[in-house]
PDB file of N, CA and C in Angstrom:
ATOM      1  N   MET A   1       0.814  -1.357  -0.024  1.00  0.00           N
ATOM      2  CA  MET A   1       0.148  -0.072  -0.070  1.00  0.00           C
ATOM      3  C   MET A   1       0.683   1.357   0.031  1.00  0.00           C
ATOM      4  N   SER A   2       0.499   2.115  -0.923  1.00  0.00           N
ATOM      5  CA  SER A   2       1.514   3.343  -0.870  1.00  0.00           C
ATOM      6  C   SER A   2       1.145   4.124   0.428  1.00  0.00           C
ATOM      7  N   GLU A   3       2.157   4.985   0.826  1.00  0.00           N
ATOM      8  CA  GLU A   3       2.308   5.848   1.972  1.00  0.00           C
ATOM      9  C   GLU A   3       0.833   6.730   1.932  1.00  0.00           C
ATOM     10  N   GLU A   4       0.635   7.448   0.740  1.00  0.00           N
ATOM     11  CA  GLU A   4      -0.477   8.352   0.697  1.00  0.00           C
ATOM     12  C   GLU A   4      -1.730   7.602   0.970  1.00  0.00           C
ATOM     13  N   LYS A   5      -1.944   6.416   0.842  1.00  0.00           N
ATOM     14  CA  LYS A   5      -3.177   5.627   0.993  1.00  0.00           C
ATOM     15  C   LYS A   5      -3.305   4.907   2.530  1.00  0.00           C
ATOM     16  N   LYS A   6      -2.282   5.119   3.217  1.00  0.00           N
ATOM     17  CA  LYS A   6      -2.478   4.572   4.686  1.00  0.00           C
ATOM     18  C   LYS A   6      -3.324   5.232   5.451  1.00  0.00           C
ATOM     19  N   THR A   7      -4.275   4.649   6.380  1.00  0.00           N
ATOM     20  CA  THR A   7      -4.947   5.261   7.255  1.00  0.00           C
ATOM     21  C   THR A   7      -4.090   5.838   8.285  1.00  0.00           C
ATOM     22  N   ILE A   8      -4.811   6.639   9.349  1.00  0.00           N
ATOM     23  CA  ILE A   8      -4.063   6.909  10.305  1.00  0.00           C
ATOM     24  C   ILE A   8      -3.911   5.729  11.415  1.00  0.00           C
ATOM     25  N   ALA A   9      -4.920   5.047  11.514  1.00  0.00           N
ATOM     26  CA  ALA A   9      -4.899   3.765  12.309  1.00  0.00           C
ATOM     27  C   ALA A   9      -3.833   2.964  11.686  1.00  0.00           C
ATOM     28  N   GLU A  10      -3.430   2.886  10.494  1.00  0.00           N
ATOM     29  CA  GLU A  10      -2.331   1.925  10.182  1.00  0.00           C
ATOM     30  C   GLU A  10      -1.053   2.539  10.389  1.00  0.00           C
ATOM     31  N   ARG A  11      -1.094   3.783  10.317  1.00  0.00           N
ATOM     32  CA  ARG A  11       0.162   4.500  10.518  1.00  0.00           C
ATOM     33  C   ARG A  11       0.605   4.379  12.067  1.00  0.00           C
ATOM     34  N   LEU A  12      -0.432   4.574  12.840  1.00  0.00           N
ATOM     35  CA  LEU A  12      -0.251   4.432  14.418  1.00  0.00           C
ATOM     36  C   LEU A  12       0.293   2.899  14.873  1.00  0.00           C
ATOM     37  N   ASP A  13      -0.190   2.046  13.928  1.00  0.00           N
ATOM     38  CA  ASP A  13       0.163   0.616  14.351  1.00  0.00           C
ATOM     39  C   ASP A  13       1.532   0.271  14.008  1.00  0.00           C
ATOM     40  N   GLU A  14       1.975   1.002  12.641  1.00  0.00           N
ATOM     41  CA  GLU A  14       3.303   1.012  12.383  1.00  0.00           C
ATOM     42  C   GLU A  14       4.374   1.762  13.586  1.00  0.00           C
ATOM     43  N   ILE A  15       3.712   2.750  13.835  1.00  0.00           N
ATOM     44  CA  ILE A  15       4.603   3.377  14.993  1.00  0.00           C
ATOM     45  C   ILE A  15       4.716   2.507  16.218  1.00  0.00           C
ATOM     46  N   ASP A  16       3.573   1.989  16.651  1.00  0.00           N
ATOM     47  CA  ASP A  16       3.491   0.996  17.596  1.00  0.00           C
ATOM     48  C   ASP A  16       4.686  -0.324  17.495  1.00  0.00           C
ATOM     49  N   GLY A  17       4.588  -0.747  16.307  1.00  0.00           N
ATOM     50  CA  GLY A  17       5.569  -1.633  15.958  1.00  0.00           C
ATOM     51  C   GLY A  17       7.032  -1.266  16.058  1.00  0.00           C
ATOM     52  N   VAL A  18       7.408  -0.034  15.541  1.00  0.00           N
ATOM     53  CA  VAL A  18       8.526   0.415  15.875  1.00  0.00           C
ATOM     54  C   VAL A  18       9.042   0.463  17.223  1.00  0.00           C
ATOM     55  N   VAL A  19       8.053   1.061  18.221  1.00  0.00           N
ATOM     56  CA  VAL A  19       8.401   1.168  19.383  1.00  0.00           C
ATOM     57  C   VAL A  19       8.724  -0.192  20.261  1.00  0.00           C
ATOM     58  N   LYS A  20       7.823  -1.146  19.723  1.00  0.00           N
ATOM     59  CA  LYS A  20       8.167  -2.311  20.261  1.00  0.00           C
ATOM     60  C   LYS A  20       9.594  -3.125  19.782  1.00  0.00           C
ATOM     61  N   LYS A  21       9.807  -2.699  18.535  1.00  0.00           N
ATOM     62  CA  LYS A  21      11.176  -3.205  18.212  1.00  0.00           C
ATOM     63  C   LYS A  21      12.216  -2.576  18.860  1.00  0.00           C
ATOM     64  N   LEU A  22      12.074  -1.114  19.251  1.00  0.00           N
ATOM     65  CA  LEU A  22      13.077  -0.330  19.882  1.00  0.00           C
ATOM     66  C   LEU A  22      13.297  -0.869  21.408  1.00  0.00           C
ATOM     67  N   GLU A  23      12.037  -1.440  21.959  1.00  0.00           N
ATOM     68  CA  GLU A  23      12.276  -1.987  23.455  1.00  0.00           C
ATOM     69  C   GLU A  23      13.146  -3.070  23.464  1.00  0.00           C
ATOM     70  N   ASN A  24      13.323  -3.805  22.610  1.00  0.00           N
ATOM     71  CA  ASN A  24      14.093  -5.063  22.463  1.00  0.00           C
ATOM     72  C   ASN A  24      15.774  -4.644  22.649  1.00  0.00           C
ATOM     73  N   GLU A  25      15.897  -5.090  23.828  1.00  0.00           N
ATOM     74  CA  GLU A  25      17.264  -4.783  24.417  1.00  0.00           C
ATOM     75  C   GLU A  25      18.414  -5.384  23.746  1.00  0.00           C
ATOM     76  N   ASP A  26      18.312  -6.662  22.744  1.00  0.00           N
ATOM     77  CA  ASP A  26      19.251  -7.131  21.994  1.00  0.00           C
ATOM     78  C   ASP A  26      19.351  -6.365  20.604  1.00  0.00           C
ATOM     79  N   LEU A  27      18.510  -5.296  20.276  1.00  0.00           N
ATOM     80  CA  LEU A  27      18.856  -4.823  18.898  1.00  0.00           C
ATOM     81  C   LEU A  27      20.150  -4.043  18.912  1.00  0.00           C
ATOM     82  N   PRO A  28      20.683  -4.370  17.639  1.00  0.00           N
ATOM     83  CA  PRO A  28      21.919  -3.766  17.561  1.00  0.00           C
ATOM     84  C   PRO A  28      21.690  -2.244  17.282  1.00  0.00           C
ATOM     85  N   LEU A  29      22.783  -1.458  17.522  1.00  0.00           N
ATOM     86  CA  LEU A  29      22.671   0.063  17.389  1.00  0.00           C
ATOM     87  C   LEU A  29      22.316   0.295  16.080  1.00  0.00           C
ATOM     88  N   GLU A  30      22.880   0.024  15.109  1.00  0.00           N
ATOM     89  CA  GLU A  30      22.623   0.220  13.639  1.00  0.00           C
ATOM     90  C   GLU A  30      21.243  -0.034  13.355  1.00  0.00           C
ATOM     91  N   GLU A  31      20.457  -1.051  13.762  1.00  0.00           N
ATOM     92  CA  GLU A  31      19.273  -1.272  13.785  1.00  0.00           C
ATOM     93  C   GLU A  31      18.138  -0.552  14.339  1.00  0.00           C
ATOM     94  N   ALA A  32      18.606  -0.176  15.576  1.00  0.00           N
ATOM     95  CA  ALA A  32      17.908   0.648  16.384  1.00  0.00           C
ATOM     96  C   ALA A  32      17.942   2.198  15.808  1.00  0.00           C
ATOM     97  N   LEU A  33      18.737   2.541  15.448  1.00  0.00           N
ATOM     98  CA  LEU A  33      18.865   3.808  14.856  1.00  0.00           C
ATOM     99  C   LEU A  33      17.889   4.009  13.442  1.00  0.00           C
ATOM    100  N   LYS A  34      18.015   2.888  12.682  1.00  0.00           N
ATOM    101  CA  LYS A  34      17.190   2.718  11.571  1.00  0.00           C
ATOM    102  C   LYS A  34      15.949   2.550  11.872  1.00  0.00           C
ATOM    103  N   ALA A  35      15.517   2.031  12.821  1.00  0.00           N
ATOM    104  CA  ALA A  35      13.961   1.813  13.559  1.00  0.00           C
ATOM    105  C   ALA A  35      13.693   3.268  13.934  1.00  0.00           C
ATOM    106  N   PHE A  36      14.550   3.780  14.729  1.00  0.00           N
ATOM    107  CA  PHE A  36      14.160   5.098  15.130  1.00  0.00           C
ATOM    108  C   PHE A  36      14.002   6.311  13.943  1.00  0.00           C
ATOM    109  N   GLU A  37      14.705   6.050  12.970  1.00  0.00           N
ATOM    110  CA  GLU A  37      14.442   7.194  11.832  1.00  0.00           C
ATOM    111  C   GLU A  37      12.955   6.761  11.299  1.00  0.00           C
ATOM    112  N   GLU A  38      12.746   5.534  11.153  1.00  0.00           N
ATOM    113  CA  GLU A  38      11.568   4.946  10.569  1.00  0.00           C
ATOM    114  C   GLU A  38      10.265   5.617  11.393  1.00  0.00           C
ATOM    115  N   GLY A  39      10.589   5.466  12.644  1.00  0.00           N
ATOM    116  CA  GLY A  39       9.500   5.931  13.551  1.00  0.00           C
ATOM    117  C   GLY A  39       9.491   7.328  13.496  1.00  0.00           C
ATOM    118  N   ILE A  40      10.428   8.150  13.380  1.00  0.00           N
ATOM    119  CA  ILE A  40      10.141   9.728  13.443  1.00  0.00           C
ATOM    120  C   ILE A  40       9.502   9.700  12.152  1.00  0.00           C
ATOM    121  N   ALA A  41      10.023   9.285  10.877  1.00  0.00           N
ATOM    122  CA  ALA A  41       9.210   9.491   9.810  1.00  0.00           C
ATOM    123  C   ALA A  41       7.750   9.279   9.854  1.00  0.00           C
ATOM    124  N   LEU A  42       7.351   8.361  10.433  1.00  0.00           N
ATOM    125  CA  LEU A  42       6.126   7.914  10.452  1.00  0.00           C
ATOM    126  C   LEU A  42       5.300   8.885  11.391  1.00  0.00           C
ATOM    127  N   VAL A  43       5.753   9.165  12.543  1.00  0.00           N
ATOM    128  CA  VAL A  43       5.286  10.213  13.505  1.00  0.00           C
ATOM    129  C   VAL A  43       4.950  11.451  12.644  1.00  0.00           C
ATOM    130  N   ARG A  44       5.999  12.039  11.852  1.00  0.00           N
ATOM    131  CA  ARG A  44       5.850  13.320  10.990  1.00  0.00           C
ATOM    132  C   ARG A  44       4.717  13.099   9.967  1.00  0.00           C
ATOM    133  N   GLU A  45       4.880  12.087   9.336  1.00  0.00           N
ATOM    134  CA  GLU A  45       3.657  11.571   8.334  1.00  0.00           C
ATOM    135  C   GLU A  45       2.283  11.510   8.845  1.00  0.00           C
ATOM    136  N   THR A  46       2.033  11.062  10.077  1.00  0.00           N
ATOM    137  CA  THR A  46       0.954  10.920  10.929  1.00  0.00           C
ATOM    138  C   THR A  46       0.529  12.226  11.477  1.00  0.00           C
ATOM    139  N   ASN A  47       1.405  13.141  11.986  1.00  0.00           N
ATOM    140  CA  ASN A  47       1.197  14.302  12.439  1.00  0.00           C
ATOM    141  C   ASN A  47       0.522  15.274  11.096  1.00  0.00           C
ATOM    142  N   ALA A  48       1.322  15.300   9.921  1.00  0.00           N
ATOM    143  CA  ALA A  48       0.776  15.882   8.989  1.00  0.00           C
ATOM    144  C   ALA A  48      -0.910  15.588   8.543  1.00  0.00           C
ATOM    145  N   LYS A  49      -0.765  14.232   8.716  1.00  0.00           N
ATOM    146  CA  LYS A  49      -2.292  13.816   8.204  1.00  0.00           C
ATOM    147  C   LYS A  49      -3.265  14.306   9.157  1.00  0.00           C
ATOM    148  N   LEU A  50      -2.917  14.200  10.623  1.00  0.00           N
ATOM    149  CA  LEU A  50      -3.846  14.792  11.330  1.00  0.00           C
ATOM    150  C   LEU A  50      -4.096  16.230  11.423  1.00  0.00           C
ATOM    151  N   THR A  51      -3.038  17.101  11.016  1.00  0.00           N
ATOM    152  CA  THR A  51      -3.253  18.489  11.025  1.00  0.00           C
ATOM    153  C   THR A  51      -3.917  18.815   9.704  1.00  0.00           C
ATOM    154  N   GLU A  52      -3.972  17.898   8.836  1.00  0.00           N
ATOM    155  CA  GLU A  52      -4.717  18.132   7.545  1.00  0.00           C
ATOM    156  C   GLU A  52      -6.263  17.895   7.674  1.00  0.00           C
ATOM    157  N   ALA A  53      -6.522  16.839   8.646  1.00  0.00           N
ATOM    158  CA  ALA A  53      -7.870  16.547   8.975  1.00  0.00           C
ATOM    159  C   ALA A  53      -8.692  17.450  10.073  1.00  0.00           C
ATOM    160  N   GLU A  54      -7.703  17.985  10.851  1.00  0.00           N
ATOM    161  CA  GLU A  54      -8.009  19.100  11.646  1.00  0.00           C
ATOM    162  C   GLU A  54      -8.620  20.378  10.849  1.00  0.00           C
ATOM    163  N   THR A  55      -7.662  20.577   9.841  1.00  0.00           N
ATOM    164  CA  THR A  55      -7.807  21.887   9.143  1.00  0.00           C
ATOM    165  C   THR A  55      -9.193  21.701   8.340  1.00  0.00           C
ATOM    166  N   ARG A  56      -9.449  20.549   7.921  1.00  0.00           N
ATOM    167  CA  ARG A  56     -10.707  20.285   7.023  1.00  0.00           C
ATOM    168  C   ARG A  56     -11.813  20.384   8.026  1.00  0.00           C
ATOM    169  N   LEU A  57     -11.898  19.889   9.111  1.00  0.00           N
ATOM    170  CA  LEU A  57     -12.762  19.968  10.122  1.00  0.00           C
ATOM    171  C   LEU A  57     -13.172  21.417  10.597  1.00  0.00           C
ATOM    172  N   LYS A  58     -12.261  22.252  10.788  1.00  0.00           N
ATOM    173  CA  LYS A  58     -12.519  23.447  11.066  1.00  0.00           C
ATOM    174  C   LYS A  58     -13.129  24.139   9.944  1.00  0.00           C
ATOM    175  N   THR A  59     -12.604  23.908   8.895  1.00  0.00           N
ATOM    176  CA  THR A  59     -13.390  24.367   7.675  1.00  0.00           C
ATOM    177  C   THR A  59     -14.712  24.225   7.454  1.00  0.00           C
ATOM    178  N   LEU A  60     -15.022  22.816   7.630  1.00  0.00           N
ATOM    179  CA  LEU A  60     -16.550  22.363   7.577  1.00  0.00           C
ATOM    180  C   LEU A  60     -17.308  22.826   8.723  1.00  0.00           C
ATOM    181  N   THR A  61     -16.618  23.017   9.815  1.00  0.00           N
ATOM    182  CA  THR A  61     -17.439  23.531  10.832  1.00  0.00           C
ATOM    183  C   THR A  61     -17.582  25.208  10.953  1.00  0.00           C
ATOM    184  N   GLY A  62     -17.015  25.848  10.191  1.00  0.00           N
ATOM    185  CA  GLY A  62     -17.190  27.185  10.015  1.00  0.00           C
ATOM    186  C   GLY A  62     -16.057  27.910  10.886  1.00  0.00           C
ATOM    187  N   GLU A  63     -15.097  27.191  11.502  1.00  0.00           N
ATOM    188  CA  GLU A  63     -13.987  27.549  12.387  1.00  0.00           C
ATOM    189  C   GLU A  63     -12.827  28.078  11.474  1.00  0.00           C
ATOM    190  N   GLY A  64     -12.780  27.669  10.198  1.00  0.00           N
ATOM    191  CA  GLY A  64     -11.559  27.903   9.454  1.00  0.00           C
ATOM    192  C   GLY A  64     -11.740  29.063   8.300  1.00  0.00           C
ATOM    193  N   ASN A  65     -10.748  29.097   7.404  1.00  0.00           N
ATOM    194  CA  ASN A  65     -11.133  29.918   6.266  1.00  0.00           C
ATOM    195  C   ASN A  65     -12.219  29.315   5.135  1.00  0.00           C
ATOM    196  N   PRO A  66     -13.300  29.813   4.999  1.00  0.00           N
ATOM    197  CA  PRO A  66     -14.127  29.098   4.100  1.00  0.00           C
ATOM    198  C   PRO A  66     -13.502  29.134   2.534  1.00  0.00           C
ATOM    199  N   ASP A  67     -12.608  29.793   2.364  1.00  0.00           N
ATOM    200  CA  ASP A  67     -11.896  29.944   0.922  1.00  0.00           C
ATOM    201  C   ASP A  67     -11.376  28.771   0.688  1.00  0.00           C
ATOM    202  N   GLU A  68     -10.806  27.724   1.806  1.00  0.00           N
ATOM    203  CA  GLU A  68     -10.473  26.736   1.537  1.00  0.00           C
ATOM    204  C   GLU A  68     -10.920  25.464   0.971  1.00  0.00           C
ATOM    205  N   LEU A  69     -12.298  25.670   0.962  1.00  0.00           N
ATOM    206  CA  LEU A  69     -13.400  24.514   0.362  1.00  0.00           C
ATOM    207  C   LEU A  69     -13.256  24.433  -1.213  1.00  0.00           C
TER     208      LEU A  69
END
């Protein structure tokens, strides 16, 4: 599935998976760094999607800029 098509819930599940991976004490440093970078990217993508949804909701409820519709 493409990154654009992932739901917020799917992204949150992926973040959870990264956290569980990082909690593994036997994870080599290089793998931990790679997992951390992946997690940060997922958090940023998820935050952007949540911000986009918030903006749309504000627009639809009249709290945002009506020109955005």
